[in-house]
Protein backbone atom coordinates (compact mmCIF):
# COMPACT_ATOMS: atom_id res chain seq x y z
CA MET A 1 -81.23 4.05 10.30
CA ALA A 2 -82.48 4.35 13.61
CA ASN A 3 -82.26 1.00 15.75
CA PRO A 4 -86.39 0.08 15.86
CA ASN A 5 -85.33 -2.18 19.30
CA GLN A 6 -84.13 1.21 21.11
CA LYS A 7 -86.81 2.41 22.92
CA ARG A 8 -88.15 6.21 20.92
CA GLY A 9 -90.22 8.11 23.58
CA LYS A 10 -93.01 7.92 25.76
CA LEU A 11 -96.28 8.72 23.43
CA SER A 12 -98.76 11.19 23.84
CA GLY A 13 -102.24 10.66 26.14
CA LEU A 14 -104.79 12.38 27.99
CA ASP A 15 -105.53 10.72 31.50
CA LEU A 16 -109.06 11.55 32.27
CA ARG A 17 -109.32 11.28 36.42
CA ALA A 18 -112.07 10.26 38.16
CA ASP A 19 -112.32 12.95 39.94
CA GLY A 20 -112.57 15.17 37.10
CA ALA A 21 -109.10 16.65 36.45
CA VAL A 22 -107.29 16.28 33.03
CA ALA A 23 -104.14 15.60 32.54
CA VAL A 24 -102.27 16.09 29.46
CA TYR A 25 -98.87 14.36 28.61
CA GLN A 26 -96.77 14.95 26.23
CA PHE A 27 -94.18 12.93 23.48
CA ILE A 28 -91.23 12.93 25.47
CA ARG A 29 -88.42 11.77 22.37
CA ALA A 30 -85.38 10.13 23.82
CA LEU A 31 -82.64 9.61 20.57
CA ASN A 32 -81.03 12.98 19.63
CA LYS A 33 -78.65 13.38 16.87
CA SER A 34 -75.77 16.18 16.41
CA TYR A 35 -74.26 16.93 12.55
CA GLU A 36 -71.05 19.17 12.78
CA GLY A 37 -68.71 20.05 9.85
CA THR A 38 -67.53 22.39 7.34
CA LEU A 39 -69.68 23.22 4.50
CA THR A 40 -67.58 23.38 1.14
CA ALA A 41 -67.96 24.23 -2.36
CA ALA A 42 -67.42 20.56 -3.26
CA ASN A 43 -70.09 19.11 -0.38
CA SER A 44 -72.57 21.80 -1.36
CA PRO A 45 -75.61 21.12 -1.11
CA LEU A 46 -75.36 19.32 1.91
CA ILE A 47 -78.18 17.44 2.66
CA ILE A 48 -79.28 16.20 6.52
CA ASP A 49 -81.57 14.30 6.70
CA PHE A 50 -83.04 13.66 10.35
CA ARG A 51 -85.89 11.30 9.00
CA GLY A 52 -83.69 9.04 7.27
CA ASP A 53 -81.42 8.96 10.48
CA GLN A 54 -84.02 8.30 12.91
CA GLY A 55 -87.21 7.71 11.55
CA TRP A 56 -89.03 10.15 12.73
CA ASN A 57 -88.96 13.74 12.11
CA SER A 58 -87.47 16.43 13.74
CA LEU A 59 -89.38 18.45 16.27
CA GLN A 60 -86.79 20.57 18.09
CA GLY A 61 -83.10 21.69 17.79
CA TRP A 62 -81.39 24.50 16.66
CA ILE A 63 -78.55 25.61 13.39
CA THR A 64 -75.16 27.17 14.17
CA CYS A 65 -73.15 28.87 11.57
CA ASP A 66 -69.66 29.19 12.53
CA GLY A 67 -68.12 30.54 9.39
CA THR A 68 -64.50 30.44 8.67
CA ILE A 69 -61.96 32.27 10.45
CA VAL A 70 -59.90 33.84 7.55
CA ALA A 71 -57.43 37.12 7.80
CA GLY A 72 -58.93 37.93 11.26
CA SER A 73 -62.19 38.14 10.40
CA THR A 74 -64.94 35.79 10.34
CA ASN A 75 -66.56 34.98 7.30
CA GLY A 76 -69.13 31.67 5.27
CA ASN A 77 -72.96 32.46 5.08
CA ILE A 78 -74.93 29.65 4.85
CA GLU A 79 -78.11 29.18 2.84
CA VAL A 80 -80.52 26.94 4.47
CA SER A 81 -84.09 25.42 4.02
CA PHE A 82 -85.42 22.40 5.36
CA THR A 83 -88.36 20.21 4.25
CA ARG A 84 -91.87 18.62 6.19
CA ASP A 85 -91.93 15.64 3.58
CA GLY A 86 -88.58 14.85 2.47
CA THR A 87 -89.30 15.92 -0.67
CA THR A 88 -90.63 20.07 -0.92
CA TYR A 89 -87.97 22.31 0.05
CA GLY A 90 -89.51 26.04 1.58
CA ASP A 91 -87.96 29.05 1.07
CA VAL A 92 -84.55 29.52 1.74
CA TRP A 93 -82.64 31.90 4.11
CA THR A 94 -79.18 32.96 5.62
CA MET A 95 -77.12 32.21 8.38
CA ARG A 96 -74.54 34.22 9.04
CA PRO A 97 -71.30 33.77 10.95
CA GLY A 98 -72.03 33.43 14.98
CA GLU A 99 -75.95 33.44 14.41
CA ASN A 100 -77.89 30.69 15.57
CA THR A 101 -81.71 29.59 14.95
CA ASN A 102 -83.43 27.95 17.39
CA LEU A 103 -85.68 24.83 15.02
CA MET A 104 -88.24 24.08 18.03
CA GLY A 105 -91.47 23.16 16.13
CA PHE A 106 -90.38 23.08 12.73
CA ASP A 107 -91.34 19.43 12.36
CA ILE A 108 -87.81 18.72 9.94
CA ALA A 109 -87.25 15.75 7.89
CA LYS A 110 -84.56 17.06 6.10
CA ILE A 111 -82.16 20.10 5.93
CA LYS A 112 -80.14 21.47 3.36
CA LEU A 113 -77.00 23.76 3.79
CA GLU A 114 -75.91 25.08 0.57
CA HIS A 115 -72.04 27.22 0.50
CA THR A 116 -72.28 30.85 -0.79
CA GLY A 117 -68.56 31.31 -1.93
CA THR A 118 -66.81 31.35 1.08
CA ASP A 119 -66.51 27.52 3.24
CA SER A 120 -68.45 27.39 6.86
CA GLU A 121 -68.35 25.47 9.65
CA TYR A 122 -72.37 24.47 11.04
CA ARG A 123 -73.44 22.49 13.79
CA VAL A 124 -76.57 21.28 14.24
CA PHE A 125 -78.55 19.45 16.49
CA LEU A 126 -82.10 17.55 15.75
CA VAL A 127 -84.24 15.88 18.71
């Protein structure tokens, strides 16, 4: 669980200046979380609970499927889905070895990674 005393970032806001100019401030989060490992039949499905770890949903980041080198070739697809509310998951998509998905604006509470028959290394970075 995230430390409640740790600075999480600056809140967004609106500054109405006397000269009529409007400045909009965007939320900047200072904390991030990295997850990496090998997805196997034994640990699948693997649930990455960003909200549980940090206390808020991720609004940006990326996920990479590194696969596994078997007999000189890279194998190991990963099936991925995510939830905004922590319960209801959307559609599954397949990531192949070497693919990277940008998660900018996805609003993620949890990500689910599922094994597809061959072990696969993965890397997830969320802010």
